[in-house]
Amino acid sequence: MPLWIGGLVDRLGPKPIVLVAQLLQAAGFLGYLMVRSSGAILLAVTVAAMGQRAFWSSAFTLVSDLSDRDPGGHSRERWFGIIGSLRAVGYGVGAVVAGVALSAKSGPVYRGAIGTCACLLLVAALLLVRGVPRSVVRPARAGHKGAGEAESEHAARLGSLRVTVHSGRRAVPVYERLGFESSRRLLSRPPD
């Protein structure tokens, strides 16, 4: 799914993808509250999981785009540090809240926790719509290779049997700016 989402991020920008991801997750959690059959549970889990995968496949590109336009000139690393810290706090608070909810051994408490998650995802989506500017999407130029075509041609020149791309063209430079390197060795097959 990240490969597919990367192409969508390249075409539409990261904000709409993150927004849809938040809404899918909220729909999945609301589905948990309404399901009465195993098929419906599977559907709710699938919708929530798709939203989660889409979120993690596009959120860092959104942060990268926004940090480029930071009027205070804060570095991209600072923004990624803030995001990482907030995520760690969220995991900690979430673990404590889940522990308290599970210790209650009460259906209404469980449903309340699930409903709260759905509401928080909807609030996050609303904040995204209201408070985050839309990213600039560069239109494809005439004669310009589409997503994945240039990578496939490069891999063929290197003699590679297959290519794995983490995400869209915007995500790879983010990792390179964080100190990771693209490696031709990872794209080539071992010598015969």
Protein backbone atom coordinates (compact mmCIF):
# COMPACT_ATOMS: atom_id res chain seq x y z
CA MET A 1 0.00 0.00 0.00
CA PRO A 2 2.81 2.53 0.66
CA LEU A 3 3.87 2.29 -2.99
CA TRP A 4 0.36 3.09 -4.19
CA ILE A 5 -0.03 5.90 -1.65
CA GLY A 6 3.33 7.37 -2.72
CA GLY A 7 2.02 7.79 -6.26
CA LEU A 8 -1.15 9.45 -4.98
CA VAL A 9 0.92 11.81 -2.81
CA ASP A 10 2.96 12.76 -5.86
CA ARG A 11 -0.18 13.53 -7.89
CA LEU A 12 -2.42 15.11 -5.25
CA GLY A 13 -0.05 16.27 -2.53
CA PRO A 14 0.14 14.81 0.98
CA LYS A 15 -2.64 16.81 2.69
CA PRO A 16 -5.64 15.17 0.96
CA ILE A 17 -4.13 11.72 1.48
CA VAL A 18 -3.55 12.34 5.20
CA LEU A 19 -7.11 13.70 5.46
CA VAL A 20 -8.65 10.65 3.79
CA ALA A 21 -6.47 8.43 6.00
CA GLN A 22 -7.81 10.11 9.15
CA LEU A 23 -11.39 9.73 7.92
CA LEU A 24 -10.86 6.06 7.04
CA GLN A 25 -9.46 5.38 10.51
CA ALA A 26 -12.41 7.19 12.11
CA ALA A 27 -14.86 5.21 9.95
CA GLY A 28 -13.17 1.96 11.00
CA PHE A 29 -13.41 2.85 14.69
CA LEU A 30 -17.05 3.92 14.32
CA GLY A 31 -17.61 0.61 12.54
CA TYR A 32 -16.30 -1.21 15.62
CA LEU A 33 -19.19 0.30 17.57
CA MET A 34 -21.81 -0.96 15.12
CA VAL A 35 -20.61 -4.41 14.07
CA ARG A 36 -22.58 -7.51 14.97
CA SER A 37 -21.01 -10.15 12.71
CA SER A 38 -17.54 -11.45 11.95
CA GLY A 39 -17.76 -10.16 8.37
CA ALA A 40 -18.58 -6.66 9.61
CA ILE A 41 -15.69 -6.83 12.10
CA LEU A 42 -13.35 -7.79 9.25
CA LEU A 43 -14.62 -4.84 7.19
CA ALA A 44 -14.14 -2.37 10.08
CA VAL A 45 -10.63 -3.68 10.77
CA THR A 46 -9.74 -3.45 7.07
CA VAL A 47 -10.99 0.14 6.77
CA ALA A 48 -9.13 1.22 9.92
CA ALA A 49 -5.94 -0.56 8.81
CA MET A 50 -6.09 1.00 5.34
CA GLY A 51 -6.43 4.41 6.96
CA GLN A 52 -3.49 3.74 9.25
CA ARG A 53 -1.24 2.55 6.40
CA ALA A 54 -2.25 5.54 4.24
CA PHE A 55 -1.52 7.89 7.15
CA TRP A 56 1.97 6.56 7.82
CA SER A 57 2.71 6.50 4.08
CA SER A 58 1.92 10.20 3.65
CA ALA A 59 2.22 12.02 6.99
CA PHE A 60 6.01 12.44 6.89
CA THR A 61 5.82 13.93 3.41
CA LEU A 62 3.27 16.43 4.72
CA VAL A 63 5.57 17.35 7.61
CA SER A 64 8.47 17.74 5.19
CA ASP A 65 6.45 20.01 2.88
CA LEU A 66 5.25 22.14 5.78
CA SER A 67 8.70 22.45 7.31
CA ASP A 68 9.98 23.86 4.01
CA ARG A 69 7.53 26.77 4.47
CA ASP A 70 8.14 27.33 8.18
CA PRO A 71 8.17 31.14 8.64
CA GLY A 72 10.31 30.76 11.75
CA GLY A 73 12.97 28.92 9.77
CA HIS A 74 12.89 25.87 12.01
CA SER A 75 14.71 22.94 10.53
CA ARG A 76 13.07 19.83 9.16
CA GLU A 77 14.90 17.80 11.81
CA ARG A 78 13.28 19.91 14.53
CA TRP A 79 9.80 19.23 13.13
CA PHE A 80 10.48 15.52 12.84
CA GLY A 81 11.79 15.59 16.42
CA ILE A 82 8.59 17.29 17.61
CA ILE A 83 6.47 14.73 15.75
CA GLY A 84 8.48 11.86 17.23
CA SER A 85 8.14 13.28 20.74
CA LEU A 86 4.40 13.76 20.37
CA ARG A 87 4.03 10.23 19.06
CA ALA A 88 5.98 8.86 22.05
CA VAL A 89 3.79 10.83 24.47
CA GLY A 90 0.72 9.52 22.65
CA TYR A 91 1.91 5.93 23.00
CA GLY A 92 2.50 6.43 26.72
CA VAL A 93 -0.81 8.15 27.42
CA GLY A 94 -2.61 5.65 25.21
CA ALA A 95 -1.11 2.72 27.11
CA VAL A 96 -2.22 4.18 30.46
CA VAL A 97 -5.74 4.95 29.20
CA ALA A 98 -6.04 1.49 27.62
CA GLY A 99 -4.86 -0.12 30.87
CA VAL A 100 -7.46 1.78 32.87
CA ALA A 101 -10.19 0.96 30.34
CA LEU A 102 -9.29 -2.74 30.29
CA SER A 103 -9.16 -2.93 34.08
CA ALA A 104 -12.75 -1.64 34.23
CA LYS A 105 -13.95 -4.83 32.48
CA SER A 106 -16.98 -2.96 31.20
CA GLY A 107 -18.54 -2.96 27.73
CA PRO A 108 -19.65 0.68 28.00
CA VAL A 109 -16.12 1.74 28.98
CA TYR A 110 -14.67 -0.16 26.02
CA ARG A 111 -17.20 1.41 23.65
CA GLY A 112 -16.45 4.81 25.17
CA ALA A 113 -12.73 4.37 24.51
CA ILE A 114 -13.40 3.31 20.91
CA GLY A 115 -15.80 6.23 20.41
CA THR A 116 -13.23 8.62 21.87
CA CYS A 117 -10.63 7.36 19.40
CA ALA A 118 -13.05 7.91 16.51
CA CYS A 119 -13.85 11.43 17.75
CA LEU A 120 -10.16 12.30 18.13
CA LEU A 121 -9.49 11.13 14.58
CA LEU A 122 -12.35 13.33 13.33
CA VAL A 123 -10.97 16.30 15.31
CA ALA A 124 -7.53 15.66 13.78
CA ALA A 125 -9.12 15.66 10.32
CA LEU A 126 -10.92 18.94 11.06
CA LEU A 127 -7.70 20.53 12.34
CA LEU A 128 -5.96 19.37 9.19
CA VAL A 129 -8.63 20.96 7.00
CA ARG A 130 -8.67 24.22 8.96
CA GLY A 131 -5.06 24.68 9.99
CA VAL A 132 -2.79 23.11 7.38
CA PRO A 133 -2.22 24.81 4.02
CA ARG A 134 -2.49 22.72 0.90
CA SER A 135 0.82 21.54 -0.53
CA VAL A 136 1.92 22.63 -3.94
CA VAL A 137 1.61 19.78 -6.43
CA ARG A 138 3.87 20.16 -9.43
CA PRO A 139 2.10 19.14 -12.63
CA ALA A 140 3.78 16.51 -14.77
CA ARG A 141 5.81 17.97 -17.62
CA ALA A 142 5.45 16.78 -21.19
CA GLY A 143 7.88 13.94 -21.79
CA HIS A 144 8.46 13.52 -18.03
CA LYS A 145 8.50 9.96 -16.74
CA GLY A 146 5.61 8.88 -14.54
CA ALA A 147 6.02 7.60 -10.99
CA GLY A 148 8.05 4.41 -11.04
CA GLU A 149 9.04 4.51 -14.73
CA ALA A 150 12.39 6.23 -14.23
CA GLU A 151 13.20 3.94 -11.30
CA SER A 152 12.39 0.86 -13.36
CA GLU A 153 14.57 2.05 -16.25
CA HIS A 154 17.43 2.81 -13.86
CA ALA A 155 17.11 -0.66 -12.30
CA ALA A 156 17.16 -2.24 -15.77
CA ARG A 157 20.38 -0.36 -16.62
CA LEU A 158 21.89 -1.75 -13.40
CA GLY A 159 20.77 -5.27 -14.26
CA SER A 160 18.32 -5.50 -11.37
CA LEU A 161 15.60 -8.12 -11.36
CA ARG A 162 13.18 -6.07 -9.24
CA VAL A 163 12.85 -2.65 -7.66
CA THR A 164 11.39 -1.69 -4.31
CA VAL A 165 10.48 1.96 -3.78
CA HIS A 166 9.49 3.03 -0.27
CA SER A 167 7.17 5.82 -1.31
CA GLY A 168 6.77 8.67 -3.74
CA ARG A 169 9.44 10.94 -5.17
CA ARG A 170 8.93 13.44 -2.35
CA ALA A 171 9.65 10.95 0.43
CA VAL A 172 13.06 9.76 -0.74
CA PRO A 173 14.70 13.23 -0.47
CA VAL A 174 13.35 13.46 3.08
CA TYR A 175 15.33 10.38 4.05
CA GLU A 176 18.41 11.63 2.19
CA ARG A 177 18.24 14.93 4.09
CA LEU A 178 18.06 12.96 7.32
CA GLY A 179 21.39 11.34 6.52
CA PHE A 180 20.29 8.17 4.74
CA GLU A 181 21.78 7.45 1.34
CA SER A 182 20.39 5.92 -1.81
CA SER A 183 22.52 2.96 -2.73
CA ARG A 184 23.04 1.59 -6.23
CA ARG A 185 24.12 -1.65 -4.58
CA LEU A 186 20.64 -2.15 -3.15
CA LEU A 187 19.20 -1.96 -6.66
CA SER A 188 21.63 -4.31 -8.38
CA ARG A 189 21.61 -8.08 -8.35
CA PRO A 190 24.67 -9.99 -7.15
CA PRO A 191 27.27 -10.81 -9.83
CA ASP A 192 26.82 -14.16 -11.58
